[in-house]
Structure formats: structure tokens, C-alpha cells
Protein backbone atom coordinates (compact mmCIF):
# COMPACT_ATOMS: atom_id res chain seq x y z
CA GLN A 1 15.97 -13.59 -69.05
CA GLU A 2 13.34 -15.03 -71.34
CA TRP A 3 14.31 -18.50 -72.53
CA VAL A 4 12.30 -19.80 -75.49
CA ALA A 5 12.60 -23.31 -76.93
CA VAL A 6 13.21 -22.93 -80.67
CA ALA A 7 14.33 -26.37 -81.90
CA LYS A 8 15.30 -29.89 -80.93
CA THR A 9 19.02 -30.68 -80.82
CA ALA A 10 18.45 -33.37 -83.48
CA ASP A 11 16.97 -30.74 -85.86
CA ILE A 12 20.34 -29.20 -86.63
CA GLU A 13 23.46 -31.16 -87.55
CA PRO A 14 26.95 -29.80 -86.75
CA GLY A 15 28.10 -27.30 -89.38
CA THR A 16 24.55 -26.33 -90.36
CA MET A 17 21.93 -23.73 -89.52
CA ILE A 18 18.16 -23.39 -89.55
CA ALA A 19 15.71 -20.52 -89.43
CA VAL A 20 13.64 -20.39 -86.23
CA THR A 21 11.10 -18.05 -84.69
CA ALA A 22 11.10 -16.87 -81.08
CA GLY A 23 8.10 -14.66 -80.40
CA ASP A 24 8.23 -11.99 -83.10
CA ARG A 25 11.94 -12.51 -83.81
CA GLN A 26 13.27 -14.33 -86.86
CA LEU A 27 16.50 -16.00 -85.81
CA ALA A 28 19.25 -18.08 -87.34
CA LEU A 29 20.24 -21.05 -85.17
CA TYR A 30 23.69 -22.51 -85.85
CA ASN A 31 25.40 -25.70 -84.70
CA ILE A 32 29.16 -25.16 -84.76
CA GLY A 33 31.05 -28.20 -83.54
CA GLY A 34 28.17 -29.29 -81.32
CA THR A 35 27.70 -25.86 -79.73
CA PHE A 36 24.59 -23.84 -80.57
CA TYR A 37 24.58 -20.13 -81.42
CA ALA A 38 21.73 -17.80 -82.34
CA SER A 39 21.57 -14.46 -84.13
CA ASP A 40 19.07 -12.30 -85.94
CA ASN A 41 18.41 -13.95 -89.30
CA GLU A 42 18.28 -10.72 -91.30
CA CYS A 43 21.58 -9.36 -92.61
CA THR A 44 22.41 -5.91 -91.24
CA HIS A 45 23.49 -4.67 -94.68
CA ALA A 46 20.39 -5.38 -96.78
CA TYR A 47 17.24 -7.46 -96.48
CA ALA A 48 18.39 -11.06 -96.86
CA MET A 49 17.97 -14.13 -94.67
CA LEU A 50 21.33 -15.37 -93.46
CA THR A 51 20.03 -18.94 -93.32
CA GLU A 52 19.92 -18.80 -97.13
CA GLY A 53 23.68 -18.12 -97.10
CA THR A 54 26.61 -20.41 -96.42
CA ILE A 55 28.65 -21.39 -93.38
CA ASP A 56 32.44 -21.53 -93.65
CA GLY A 57 33.87 -22.73 -90.34
CA ASP A 58 32.44 -20.28 -87.81
CA VAL A 59 31.53 -17.58 -90.34
CA ILE A 60 28.13 -17.01 -91.97
CA GLU A 61 28.13 -15.41 -95.41
CA CYS A 62 25.07 -13.48 -96.57
CA PRO A 63 23.58 -14.77 -99.84
CA LEU A 64 22.88 -11.30 -101.23
CA HIS A 65 26.16 -9.36 -101.31
CA GLY A 66 28.60 -11.77 -99.65
CA GLY A 67 28.92 -9.88 -96.36
CA ALA A 68 30.20 -12.11 -93.57
CA PHE A 69 29.80 -12.32 -89.81
CA GLU A 70 31.47 -14.29 -87.04
CA ILE A 71 28.75 -16.67 -85.85
CA LYS A 72 30.01 -16.75 -82.24
CA THR A 73 30.13 -12.96 -81.77
CA GLY A 74 28.10 -11.37 -84.60
CA LYS A 75 31.10 -9.24 -85.59
CA GLY A 76 30.89 -7.97 -89.16
CA LEU A 77 33.94 -8.96 -91.22
CA GLY A 78 34.35 -6.03 -93.59
CA ALA A 79 32.48 -4.45 -96.48
CA PRO A 80 29.65 -4.26 -97.22
CA ILE A 81 28.84 -4.89 -93.53
CA PHE A 82 28.61 -1.66 -91.53
CA CYS A 83 26.85 -2.99 -88.41
CA ASP A 84 27.45 -6.11 -86.33
CA LEU A 85 24.80 -8.80 -86.04
CA LYS A 86 22.79 -9.16 -82.80
CA CYS A 87 23.44 -12.50 -81.12
CA TYR A 88 21.51 -14.24 -78.35
CA PRO A 89 22.59 -16.64 -75.59
CA THR A 90 21.60 -20.27 -76.10
CA ARG A 91 21.37 -23.30 -73.87
CA VAL A 92 20.31 -26.92 -74.18
CA SER A 93 17.58 -28.15 -71.87
CA GLY A 94 16.92 -31.87 -72.32
CA ASP A 95 16.67 -32.22 -76.11
CA ALA A 96 15.53 -28.63 -76.68
CA VAL A 97 17.68 -25.71 -77.81
CA GLU A 98 16.59 -22.54 -76.02
CA VAL A 99 17.39 -18.92 -76.83
CA ASP A 100 17.31 -16.00 -74.39
CA VAL A 101 15.39 -13.43 -76.43
CA ALA A 102 15.55 -10.84 -73.64
CA ALA A 103 19.33 -10.52 -73.94
């Protein structure tokens, strides 16, 4: 395990996301109903940052071609997505959101 603090809990309101960096990884950090989730920020279909897309419930939609992923699992939800999104475990330590980048 390699836990890295990437944001403060107050930085991200429920139902929103922010782009964060953990080492050399560009991640999307989501707050869904008060629970934090993290995934790679780059869409698996084409080069686009998911944090420039939109959240609908617990689904992130890519801004480029409208591909969608389940935020909690990274599962791709149909065309044009051909590969699931890598997700990372998160935890809250004090007021910091941490991501396990070794997962």
C-alpha cells in the first residue's frame, strides 16, 4: 500500500469531482454522497480528462464522446468505451483524502 494525501475533504462537495495528482498519476477524485472515490482521470477511449465531463448520480460521462463509467467500480457502460477505468482505494485521515496508488 502507498497512501498519498491528494485533497482536503472540504475541497470537494458531494456530487462533484476534482482533478488531483498523486506522484506521476493524474486522478479524478469524486465525492458521491459523502464517500470518496478515485480513478484515472484520462478516459480509456480517447485522450480526454474525465474531470471536464459531467457526473450523473454515480456515473461519470466523458466530455469528448460521451462514454460513461460507473464511478464506484470503473466499469465502462457501453460504446464507445472498450476498456474499464482503473480505480484506486480511498480513505479519509483527519481532514485529508488519501488514495492508495499502489493498488
